[in-house]
Structures are given as C-alpha cells and as structure tokens.
Amino acid sequence: MPADVRIALLGPLEVRAGDGLPVEVAGARLRRLLLRLALDPGRVVTSGQLVDAVWDTRPPAGAANALQALVSRLRPYWPVRAISWRTWWAWSTTS
C-alpha cells in the first residue's frame, strides 16, 4: 500500500490510497476500529477505548484477544511507517 492513506469520516466511511484509489475495508468491526483510530491521529488510543468503539456495550469475553486480531487485520490497510511496535503495544495493552 502507498505511504499515504486518506480517511473520510463525514458521511459514509471512505478510505483512499495515496494514488486516490478507493480501498475497501471489509467488515463492520474493522471499519469501527479504523474510525476510532482516525479520530485521534498521532495519539495513543487505549484498548478500552477501542473495545468500546468496536463492540459498544457488548464486548466479547476475550475482547483483548479479539482486538489484537482486528488490529492484525487492519495492518495491511495502513502505511507501514504508521504502525510501529510501540504503537501496537499501546493499542493492545493499555487500558
């Protein structure tokens, strides 16, 4: 994926690669995760905040593991330089 990704939040979610081509983000939970992260660019978003955004008031029993799986599924859509191990650790372990 190109280094630049543009995310439109007003209206329907729209993700575009740096070349302007649309990128399909499959799955409602994955889109909710992306939306929540896009609301705070460059800032740490806690796993609790992500769980609330993805599952609202009904998180699964293994929410931390499910969240890690979603972040893994999201990585191919994101520029490589945007997700560092330090960022991933903050997403997956901070409550």
PDB file of N, CA and C in Angstrom:
ATOM      1  N   MET A   1       0.847  -1.177   0.000  1.00  0.00           N
ATOM      2  CA  MET A   1       0.000   0.000   0.000  1.00  0.00           C
ATOM      3  C   MET A   1       0.887   1.233   0.000  1.00  0.00           C
ATOM      4  N   PRO A   2       0.483   2.277  -0.711  1.00  0.00           N
ATOM      5  CA  PRO A   2       1.244   3.518  -0.706  1.00  0.00           C
ATOM      6  C   PRO A   2       1.355   4.104   0.693  1.00  0.00           C
ATOM      7  N   ALA A   3       2.321   5.002   0.868  1.00  0.00           N
ATOM      8  CA  ALA A   3       2.585   5.572   2.186  1.00  0.00           C
ATOM      9  C   ALA A   3       1.444   6.440   2.699  1.00  0.00           C
ATOM     10  N   ASP A   4       0.672   7.044   1.817  1.00  0.00           N
ATOM     11  CA  ASP A   4      -0.401   7.936   2.253  1.00  0.00           C
ATOM     12  C   ASP A   4      -1.747   7.233   2.186  1.00  0.00           C
ATOM     13  N   VAL A   5      -2.529   7.436   3.222  1.00  0.00           N
ATOM     14  CA  VAL A   5      -3.895   6.931   3.252  1.00  0.00           C
ATOM     15  C   VAL A   5      -4.778   8.080   3.692  1.00  0.00           C
ATOM     16  N   ARG A   6      -5.865   8.298   2.993  1.00  0.00           N
ATOM     17  CA  ARG A   6      -6.822   9.343   3.360  1.00  0.00           C
ATOM     18  C   ARG A   6      -8.115   8.684   3.811  1.00  0.00           C
ATOM     19  N   ILE A   7      -8.635   9.171   4.940  1.00  0.00           N
ATOM     20  CA  ILE A   7      -9.846   8.600   5.508  1.00  0.00           C
ATOM     21  C   ILE A   7     -10.880   9.709   5.639  1.00  0.00           C
ATOM     22  N   ALA A   8     -12.017   9.539   4.985  1.00  0.00           N
ATOM     23  CA  ALA A   8     -13.121  10.488   5.081  1.00  0.00           C
ATOM     24  C   ALA A   8     -14.101   9.964   6.124  1.00  0.00           C
ATOM     25  N   LEU A   9     -14.377  10.789   7.134  1.00  0.00           N
ATOM     26  CA  LEU A   9     -15.220  10.373   8.246  1.00  0.00           C
ATOM     27  C   LEU A   9     -16.640  10.903   8.168  1.00  0.00           C
ATOM     28  N   LEU A  10     -16.859  11.975   7.445  1.00  0.00           N
ATOM     29  CA  LEU A  10     -18.204  12.547   7.334  1.00  0.00           C
ATOM     30  C   LEU A  10     -18.938  11.846   6.204  1.00  0.00           C
ATOM     31  N   GLY A  11     -20.160  11.419   6.475  1.00  0.00           N
ATOM     32  CA  GLY A  11     -20.882  10.608   5.501  1.00  0.00           C
ATOM     33  C   GLY A  11     -20.396   9.177   5.619  1.00  0.00           C
ATOM     34  N   PRO A  12     -20.497   8.406   4.556  1.00  0.00           N
ATOM     35  CA  PRO A  12     -20.016   7.025   4.629  1.00  0.00           C
ATOM     36  C   PRO A  12     -18.490   6.995   4.733  1.00  0.00           C
ATOM     37  N   LEU A  13     -17.978   6.008   5.460  1.00  0.00           N
ATOM     38  CA  LEU A  13     -16.526   5.859   5.590  1.00  0.00           C
ATOM     39  C   LEU A  13     -15.922   5.654   4.207  1.00  0.00           C
ATOM     40  N   GLU A  14     -14.885   6.431   3.928  1.00  0.00           N
ATOM     41  CA  GLU A  14     -14.197   6.315   2.650  1.00  0.00           C
ATOM     42  C   GLU A  14     -12.702   6.309   2.914  1.00  0.00           C
ATOM     43  N   VAL A  15     -12.021   5.287   2.434  1.00  0.00           N
ATOM     44  CA  VAL A  15     -10.575   5.171   2.588  1.00  0.00           C
ATOM     45  C   VAL A  15      -9.979   5.191   1.191  1.00  0.00           C
ATOM     46  N   ARG A  16      -8.977   6.037   1.002  1.00  0.00           N
ATOM     47  CA  ARG A  16      -8.314   6.140  -0.298  1.00  0.00           C
ATOM     48  C   ARG A  16      -6.803   6.039  -0.110  1.00  0.00           C
ATOM     49  N   ALA A  17      -6.178   5.300  -1.004  1.00  0.00           N
ATOM     50  CA  ALA A  17      -4.720   5.198  -1.020  1.00  0.00           C
ATOM     51  C   ALA A  17      -4.149   6.515  -1.521  1.00  0.00           C
ATOM     52  N   GLY A  18      -2.854   6.686  -1.382  1.00  0.00           N
ATOM     53  CA  GLY A  18      -2.191   7.922  -1.795  1.00  0.00           C
ATOM     54  C   GLY A  18      -2.401   8.256  -3.254  1.00  0.00           C
ATOM     55  N   ASP A  19      -2.640   7.251  -4.083  1.00  0.00           N
ATOM     56  CA  ASP A  19      -2.878   7.487  -5.502  1.00  0.00           C
ATOM     57  C   ASP A  19      -4.333   7.853  -5.800  1.00  0.00           C
ATOM     58  N   GLY A  20      -5.158   7.958  -4.729  1.00  0.00           N
ATOM     59  CA  GLY A  20      -6.555   8.352  -4.889  1.00  0.00           C
ATOM     60  C   GLY A  20      -7.524   7.210  -5.114  1.00  0.00           C
ATOM     61  N   LEU A  21      -7.001   6.003  -5.280  1.00  0.00           N
ATOM     62  CA  LEU A  21      -7.884   4.857  -5.498  1.00  0.00           C
ATOM     63  C   LEU A  21      -8.557   4.435  -4.197  1.00  0.00           C
ATOM     64  N   PRO A  22      -9.836   4.055  -4.269  1.00  0.00           N
ATOM     65  CA  PRO A  22     -10.530   3.638  -3.047  1.00  0.00           C
ATOM     66  C   PRO A  22      -9.961   2.320  -2.523  1.00  0.00           C
ATOM     67  N   VAL A  23      -9.965   2.192  -1.198  1.00  0.00           N
ATOM     68  CA  VAL A  23      -9.523   0.972  -0.528  1.00  0.00           C
ATOM     69  C   VAL A  23     -10.724   0.431   0.230  1.00  0.00           C
ATOM     70  N   GLU A  24     -11.105  -0.810  -0.055  1.00  0.00           N
ATOM     71  CA  GLU A  24     -12.242  -1.436   0.618  1.00  0.00           C
ATOM     72  C   GLU A  24     -11.776  -2.018   1.949  1.00  0.00           C
ATOM     73  N   VAL A  25     -12.374  -1.546   3.033  1.00  0.00           N
ATOM     74  CA  VAL A  25     -12.100  -2.095   4.367  1.00  0.00           C
ATOM     75  C   VAL A  25     -13.303  -2.967   4.714  1.00  0.00           C
ATOM     76  N   ALA A  26     -13.082  -4.271   4.702  1.00  0.00           N
ATOM     77  CA  ALA A  26     -14.177  -5.227   4.860  1.00  0.00           C
ATOM     78  C   ALA A  26     -14.498  -5.474   6.330  1.00  0.00           C
ATOM     79  N   GLY A  27     -15.765  -5.482   6.641  1.00  0.00           N
ATOM     80  CA  GLY A  27     -16.217  -5.828   7.982  1.00  0.00           C
ATOM     81  C   GLY A  27     -16.535  -4.618   8.839  1.00  0.00           C
ATOM     82  N   ALA A  28     -17.687  -4.669   9.485  1.00  0.00           N
ATOM     83  CA  ALA A  28     -18.146  -3.546  10.307  1.00  0.00           C
ATOM     84  C   ALA A  28     -17.204  -3.273  11.480  1.00  0.00           C
ATOM     85  N   ARG A  29     -16.727  -4.309  12.147  1.00  0.00           N
ATOM     86  CA  ARG A  29     -15.838  -4.098  13.295  1.00  0.00           C
ATOM     87  C   ARG A  29     -14.516  -3.486  12.867  1.00  0.00           C
ATOM     88  N   LEU A  30     -13.995  -3.933  11.742  1.00  0.00           N
ATOM     89  CA  LEU A  30     -12.745  -3.377  11.247  1.00  0.00           C
ATOM     90  C   LEU A  30     -12.923  -1.904  10.884  1.00  0.00           C
ATOM     91  N   ARG A  31     -14.059  -1.569  10.288  1.00  0.00           N
ATOM     92  CA  ARG A  31     -14.331  -0.162   9.962  1.00  0.00           C
ATOM     93  C   ARG A  31     -14.489   0.671  11.231  1.00  0.00           C
ATOM     94  N   ARG A  32     -15.155   0.125  12.257  1.00  0.00           N
ATOM     95  CA  ARG A  32     -15.287   0.858  13.527  1.00  0.00           C
ATOM     96  C   ARG A  32     -13.933   1.100  14.167  1.00  0.00           C
ATOM     97  N   LEU A  33     -13.065   0.097  14.114  1.00  0.00           N
ATOM     98  CA  LEU A  33     -11.713   0.251  14.657  1.00  0.00           C
ATOM     99  C   LEU A  33     -10.964   1.346  13.915  1.00  0.00           C
ATOM    100  N   LEU A  34     -11.016   1.322  12.604  1.00  0.00           N
ATOM    101  CA  LEU A  34     -10.345   2.338  11.800  1.00  0.00           C
ATOM    102  C   LEU A  34     -10.895   3.725  12.090  1.00  0.00           C
ATOM    103  N   LEU A  35     -12.217   3.835  12.188  1.00  0.00           N
ATOM    104  CA  LEU A  35     -12.822   5.134  12.509  1.00  0.00           C
ATOM    105  C   LEU A  35     -12.336   5.661  13.845  1.00  0.00           C
ATOM    106  N   ARG A  36     -12.295   4.805  14.851  1.00  0.00           N
ATOM    107  CA  ARG A  36     -11.886   5.241  16.187  1.00  0.00           C
ATOM    108  C   ARG A  36     -10.436   5.701  16.185  1.00  0.00           C
ATOM    109  N   LEU A  37      -9.581   4.972  15.500  1.00  0.00           N
ATOM    110  CA  LEU A  37      -8.174   5.377  15.423  1.00  0.00           C
ATOM    111  C   LEU A  37      -8.013   6.674  14.643  1.00  0.00           C
ATOM    112  N   ALA A  38      -8.810   6.851  13.608  1.00  0.00           N
ATOM    113  CA  ALA A  38      -8.717   8.057  12.781  1.00  0.00           C
ATOM    114  C   ALA A  38      -9.154   9.306  13.540  1.00  0.00           C
ATOM    115  N   LEU A  39      -9.984   9.142  14.556  1.00  0.00           N
ATOM    116  CA  LEU A  39     -10.433  10.300  15.339  1.00  0.00           C
ATOM    117  C   LEU A  39      -9.316  10.908  16.183  1.00  0.00           C
ATOM    118  N   ASP A  40      -8.266  10.145  16.464  1.00  0.00           N
ATOM    119  CA  ASP A  40      -7.147  10.623  17.283  1.00  0.00           C
ATOM    120  C   ASP A  40      -5.817  10.363  16.588  1.00  0.00           C
ATOM    121  N   PRO A  41      -5.586  10.970  15.429  1.00  0.00           N
ATOM    122  CA  PRO A  41      -4.341  10.692  14.706  1.00  0.00           C
ATOM    123  C   PRO A  41      -3.115  11.111  15.514  1.00  0.00           C
ATOM    124  N   GLY A  42      -2.126  10.230  15.546  1.00  0.00           N
ATOM    125  CA  GLY A  42      -0.880  10.542  16.239  1.00  0.00           C
ATOM    126  C   GLY A  42      -0.949  10.423  17.749  1.00  0.00           C
ATOM    127  N   ARG A  43      -2.074   9.999  18.288  1.00  0.00           N
ATOM    128  CA  ARG A  43      -2.219   9.866  19.741  1.00  0.00           C
ATOM    129  C   ARG A  43      -2.482   8.418  20.111  1.00  0.00           C
ATOM    130  N   VAL A  44      -2.130   8.069  21.331  1.00  0.00           N
ATOM    131  CA  VAL A  44      -2.403   6.727  21.828  1.00  0.00           C
ATOM    132  C   VAL A  44      -3.892   6.607  22.127  1.00  0.00           C
ATOM    133  N   VAL A  45      -4.487   5.536  21.655  1.00  0.00           N
ATOM    134  CA  VAL A  45      -5.878   5.220  21.956  1.00  0.00           C
ATOM    135  C   VAL A  45      -5.841   3.936  22.774  1.00  0.00           C
ATOM    136  N   THR A  46      -6.421   3.958  23.949  1.00  0.00           N
ATOM    137  CA  THR A  46      -6.336   2.800  24.830  1.00  0.00           C
ATOM    138  C   THR A  46      -7.151   1.626  24.302  1.00  0.00           C
ATOM    139  N   SER A  47      -6.787   0.447  24.750  1.00  0.00           N
ATOM    140  CA  SER A  47      -7.543  -0.734  24.329  1.00  0.00           C
ATOM    141  C   SER A  47      -8.982  -0.643  24.819  1.00  0.00           C
ATOM    142  N   GLY A  48      -9.198  -0.065  25.993  1.00  0.00           N
ATOM    143  CA  GLY A  48     -10.559   0.115  26.489  1.00  0.00           C
ATOM    144  C   GLY A  48     -11.387   0.994  25.574  1.00  0.00           C
ATOM    145  N   GLN A  49     -10.791   2.075  25.082  1.00  0.00           N
ATOM    146  CA  GLN A  49     -11.490   2.952  24.148  1.00  0.00           C
ATOM    147  C   GLN A  49     -11.803   2.218  22.841  1.00  0.00           C
ATOM    148  N   LEU A  50     -10.852   1.414  22.384  1.00  0.00           N
ATOM    149  CA  LEU A  50     -11.064   0.668  21.144  1.00  0.00           C
ATOM    150  C   LEU A  50     -12.146  -0.390  21.313  1.00  0.00           C
ATOM    151  N   VAL A  51     -12.115  -1.099  22.431  1.00  0.00           N
ATOM    152  CA  VAL A  51     -13.146  -2.112  22.698  1.00  0.00           C
ATOM    153  C   VAL A  51     -14.516  -1.456  22.730  1.00  0.00           C
ATOM    154  N   ASP A  52     -14.632  -0.322  23.409  1.00  0.00           N
ATOM    155  CA  ASP A  52     -15.917   0.392  23.466  1.00  0.00           C
ATOM    156  C   ASP A  52     -16.384   0.803  22.070  1.00  0.00           C
ATOM    157  N   ALA A  53     -15.454   1.257  21.234  1.00  0.00           N
ATOM    158  CA  ALA A  53     -15.824   1.701  19.891  1.00  0.00           C
ATOM    159  C   ALA A  53     -16.235   0.534  18.995  1.00  0.00           C
ATOM    160  N   VAL A  54     -15.564  -0.583  19.145  1.00  0.00           N
ATOM    161  CA  VAL A  54     -15.821  -1.723  18.265  1.00  0.00           C
ATOM    162  C   VAL A  54     -17.054  -2.505  18.692  1.00  0.00           C
ATOM    163  N   TRP A  55     -17.202  -2.729  20.010  1.00  0.00           N
ATOM    164  CA  TRP A  55     -18.283  -3.594  20.487  1.00  0.00           C
ATOM    165  C   TRP A  55     -19.353  -2.860  21.278  1.00  0.00           C
ATOM    166  N   ASP A  56     -19.237  -1.547  21.408  1.00  0.00           N
ATOM    167  CA  ASP A  56     -20.213  -0.749  22.132  1.00  0.00           C
ATOM    168  C   ASP A  56     -20.341  -1.274  23.563  1.00  0.00           C
ATOM    169  N   THR A  57     -21.493  -1.711  23.977  1.00  0.00           N
ATOM    170  CA  THR A  57     -21.685  -2.144  25.369  1.00  0.00           C
ATOM    171  C   THR A  57     -21.654  -3.661  25.518  1.00  0.00           C
ATOM    172  N   ARG A  58     -21.354  -4.396  24.436  1.00  0.00           N
ATOM    173  CA  ARG A  58     -21.382  -5.858  24.483  1.00  0.00           C
ATOM    174  C   ARG A  58     -20.074  -6.479  24.019  1.00  0.00           C
ATOM    175  N   PRO A  59     -18.947  -6.186  24.672  1.00  0.00           N
ATOM    176  CA  PRO A  59     -17.691  -6.787  24.222  1.00  0.00           C
ATOM    177  C   PRO A  59     -17.678  -8.287  24.497  1.00  0.00           C
ATOM    178  N   PRO A  60     -16.965  -9.047  23.674  1.00  0.00           N
ATOM    179  CA  PRO A  60     -16.884 -10.485  23.916  1.00  0.00           C
ATOM    180  C   PRO A  60     -16.032 -10.771  25.143  1.00  0.00           C
ATOM    181  N   ALA A  61     -16.119 -11.997  25.655  1.00  0.00           N
ATOM    182  CA  ALA A  61     -15.346 -12.381  26.835  1.00  0.00           C
ATOM    183  C   ALA A  61     -13.849 -12.212  26.593  1.00  0.00           C
ATOM    184  N   GLY A  62     -13.371 -12.524  25.431  1.00  0.00           N
ATOM    185  CA  GLY A  62     -11.947 -12.383  25.101  1.00  0.00           C
ATOM    186  C   GLY A  62     -11.689 -11.132  24.292  1.00  0.00           C
ATOM    187  N   ALA A  63     -12.175  -9.990  24.762  1.00  0.00           N
ATOM    188  CA  ALA A  63     -12.098  -8.740  23.994  1.00  0.00           C
ATOM    189  C   ALA A  63     -10.660  -8.352  23.642  1.00  0.00           C
ATOM    190  N   ALA A  64      -9.718  -8.545  24.563  1.00  0.00           N
ATOM    191  CA  ALA A  64      -8.326  -8.166  24.288  1.00  0.00           C
ATOM    192  C   ALA A  64      -7.772  -8.968  23.115  1.00  0.00           C
ATOM    193  N   ASN A  65      -8.015 -10.272  23.111  1.00  0.00           N
ATOM    194  CA  ASN A  65      -7.534 -11.106  22.003  1.00  0.00           C
ATOM    195  C   ASN A  65      -8.256 -10.768  20.704  1.00  0.00           C
ATOM    196  N   ALA A  66      -9.545 -10.532  20.786  1.00  0.00           N
ATOM    197  CA  ALA A  66     -10.314 -10.172  19.592  1.00  0.00           C
ATOM    198  C   ALA A  66      -9.829  -8.843  19.021  1.00  0.00           C
ATOM    199  N   LEU A  67      -9.495  -7.904  19.904  1.00  0.00           N
ATOM    200  CA  LEU A  67      -8.976  -6.611  19.461  1.00  0.00           C
ATOM    201  C   LEU A  67      -7.629  -6.778  18.773  1.00  0.00           C
ATOM    202  N   GLN A  68      -6.764  -7.604  19.333  1.00  0.00           N
ATOM    203  CA  GLN A  68      -5.461  -7.860  18.707  1.00  0.00           C
ATOM    204  C   GLN A  68      -5.650  -8.450  17.310  1.00  0.00           C
ATOM    205  N   ALA A  69      -6.605  -9.349  17.162  1.00  0.00           N
ATOM    206  CA  ALA A  69      -6.875  -9.945  15.857  1.00  0.00           C
ATOM    207  C   ALA A  69      -7.366  -8.892  14.866  1.00  0.00           C
ATOM    208  N   LEU A  70      -8.222  -7.981  15.327  1.00  0.00           N
ATOM    209  CA  LEU A  70      -8.705  -6.916  14.447  1.00  0.00           C
ATOM    210  C   LEU A  70      -7.576  -5.991  14.017  1.00  0.00           C
ATOM    211  N   VAL A  71      -6.712  -5.618  14.951  1.00  0.00           N
ATOM    212  CA  VAL A  71      -5.585  -4.752  14.604  1.00  0.00           C
ATOM    213  C   VAL A  71      -4.693  -5.453  13.584  1.00  0.00           C
ATOM    214  N   SER A  72      -4.486  -6.751  13.737  1.00  0.00           N
ATOM    215  CA  SER A  72      -3.694  -7.507  12.761  1.00  0.00           C
ATOM    216  C   SER A  72      -4.342  -7.473  11.387  1.00  0.00           C
ATOM    217  N   ARG A  73      -5.658  -7.556  11.345  1.00  0.00           N
ATOM    218  CA  ARG A  73      -6.377  -7.483  10.067  1.00  0.00           C
ATOM    219  C   ARG A  73      -6.332  -6.082   9.466  1.00  0.00           C
ATOM    220  N   LEU A  74      -6.193  -5.071  10.313  1.00  0.00           N
ATOM    221  CA  LEU A  74      -6.159  -3.687   9.848  1.00  0.00           C
ATOM    222  C   LEU A  74      -4.789  -3.312   9.276  1.00  0.00           C
ATOM    223  N   ARG A  75      -3.740  -3.924   9.754  1.00  0.00           N
ATOM    224  CA  ARG A  75      -2.379  -3.553   9.354  1.00  0.00           C
ATOM    225  C   ARG A  75      -2.151  -3.493   7.846  1.00  0.00           C
ATOM    226  N   PRO A  76      -2.644  -4.429   7.044  1.00  0.00           N
ATOM    227  CA  PRO A  76      -2.392  -4.339   5.600  1.00  0.00           C
ATOM    228  C   PRO A  76      -2.957  -3.074   4.953  1.00  0.00           C
ATOM    229  N   TYR A  77      -3.948  -2.448   5.572  1.00  0.00           N
ATOM    230  CA  TYR A  77      -4.538  -1.230   5.017  1.00  0.00           C
ATOM    231  C   TYR A  77      -3.727   0.020   5.352  1.00  0.00           C
ATOM    232  N   TRP A  78      -2.882  -0.068   6.342  1.00  0.00           N
ATOM    233  CA  TRP A  78      -2.222   1.086   6.920  1.00  0.00           C
ATOM    234  C   TRP A  78      -0.821   1.239   6.370  1.00  0.00           C
ATOM    235  N   PRO A  79      -0.308   2.473   6.236  1.00  0.00           N
ATOM    236  CA  PRO A  79       1.083   2.641   5.811  1.00  0.00           C
ATOM    237  C   PRO A  79       2.017   1.956   6.819  1.00  0.00           C
ATOM    238  N   VAL A  80       3.020   1.309   6.327  1.00  0.00           N
ATOM    239  CA  VAL A  80       3.942   0.565   7.186  1.00  0.00           C
ATOM    240  C   VAL A  80       4.533   1.458   8.268  1.00  0.00           C
ATOM    241  N   ARG A  81       4.886   2.674   7.933  1.00  0.00           N
ATOM    242  CA  ARG A  81       5.532   3.541   8.924  1.00  0.00           C
ATOM    243  C   ARG A  81       4.574   4.016  10.018  1.00  0.00           C
ATOM    244  N   ALA A  82       3.265   3.866   9.804  1.00  0.00           N
ATOM    245  CA  ALA A  82       2.287   4.396  10.753  1.00  0.00           C
ATOM    246  C   ALA A  82       2.093   3.495  11.965  1.00  0.00           C
ATOM    247  N   ILE A  83       2.340   2.205  11.831  1.00  0.00           N
ATOM    248  CA  ILE A  83       2.113   1.298  12.947  1.00  0.00           C
ATOM    249  C   ILE A  83       3.443   0.708  13.381  1.00  0.00           C
ATOM    250  N   SER A  84       3.969   1.226  14.448  1.00  0.00           N
ATOM    251  CA  SER A  84       5.212   0.703  14.995  1.00  0.00           C
ATOM    252  C   SER A  84       4.873  -0.291  16.096  1.00  0.00           C
ATOM    253  N   TRP A  85       5.849  -1.055  16.524  1.00  0.00           N
ATOM    254  CA  TRP A  85       5.607  -1.985  17.623  1.00  0.00           C
ATOM    255  C   TRP A  85       5.157  -1.209  18.857  1.00  0.00           C
ATOM    256  N   ARG A  86       5.760  -0.056  19.112  1.00  0.00           N
ATOM    257  CA  ARG A  86       5.394   0.749  20.277  1.00  0.00           C
ATOM    258  C   ARG A  86       3.918   1.159  20.191  1.00  0.00           C
ATOM    259  N   THR A  87       3.474   1.574  19.022  1.00  0.00           N
ATOM    260  CA  THR A  87       2.074   1.952  18.834  1.00  0.00           C
ATOM    261  C   THR A  87       1.177   0.739  19.019  1.00  0.00           C
ATOM    262  N   TRP A  88       1.552  -0.378  18.419  1.00  0.00           N
ATOM    263  CA  TRP A  88       0.760  -1.603  18.543  1.00  0.00           C
ATOM    264  C   TRP A  88       0.634  -1.983  20.009  1.00  0.00           C
ATOM    265  N   TRP A  89       1.731  -1.911  20.742  1.00  0.00           N
ATOM    266  CA  TRP A  89       1.697  -2.273  22.162  1.00  0.00           C
ATOM    267  C   TRP A  89       0.728  -1.364  22.912  1.00  0.00           C
ATOM    268  N   ALA A  90       0.741  -0.084  22.619  1.00  0.00           N
ATOM    269  CA  ALA A  90      -0.185   0.844  23.277  1.00  0.00           C
ATOM    270  C   ALA A  90      -1.625   0.504  22.929  1.00  0.00           C
ATOM    271  N   TRP A  91      -1.879   0.139  21.686  1.00  0.00           N
ATOM    272  CA  TRP A  91      -3.252  -0.205  21.291  1.00  0.00           C
ATOM    273  C   TRP A  91      -3.723  -1.452  21.989  1.00  0.00           C
ATOM    274  N   SER A  92      -2.826  -2.434  22.132  1.00  0.00           N
ATOM    275  CA  SER A  92      -3.291  -3.737  22.566  1.00  0.00           C
ATOM    276  C   SER A  92      -3.222  -3.951  24.071  1.00  0.00           C
ATOM    277  N   THR A  93      -2.464  -3.147  24.796  1.00  0.00           N
ATOM    278  CA  THR A  93      -2.283  -3.470  26.207  1.00  0.00           C
ATOM    279  C   THR A  93      -2.682  -2.357  27.174  1.00  0.00           C
ATOM    280  N   THR A  94      -2.791  -1.144  26.708  1.00  0.00           N
ATOM    281  CA  THR A  94      -3.123  -0.048  27.601  1.00  0.00           C
ATOM    282  C   THR A  94      -4.622  -0.036  27.869  1.00  0.00           C
ATOM    283  N   SER A  95      -4.988   0.081  29.133  1.00  0.00           N
ATOM    284  CA  SER A  95      -6.432   0.109  29.407  1.00  0.00           C
ATOM    285  C   SER A  95      -6.837   1.444  29.969  1.00  0.00           C
TER     286      SER A  95
END
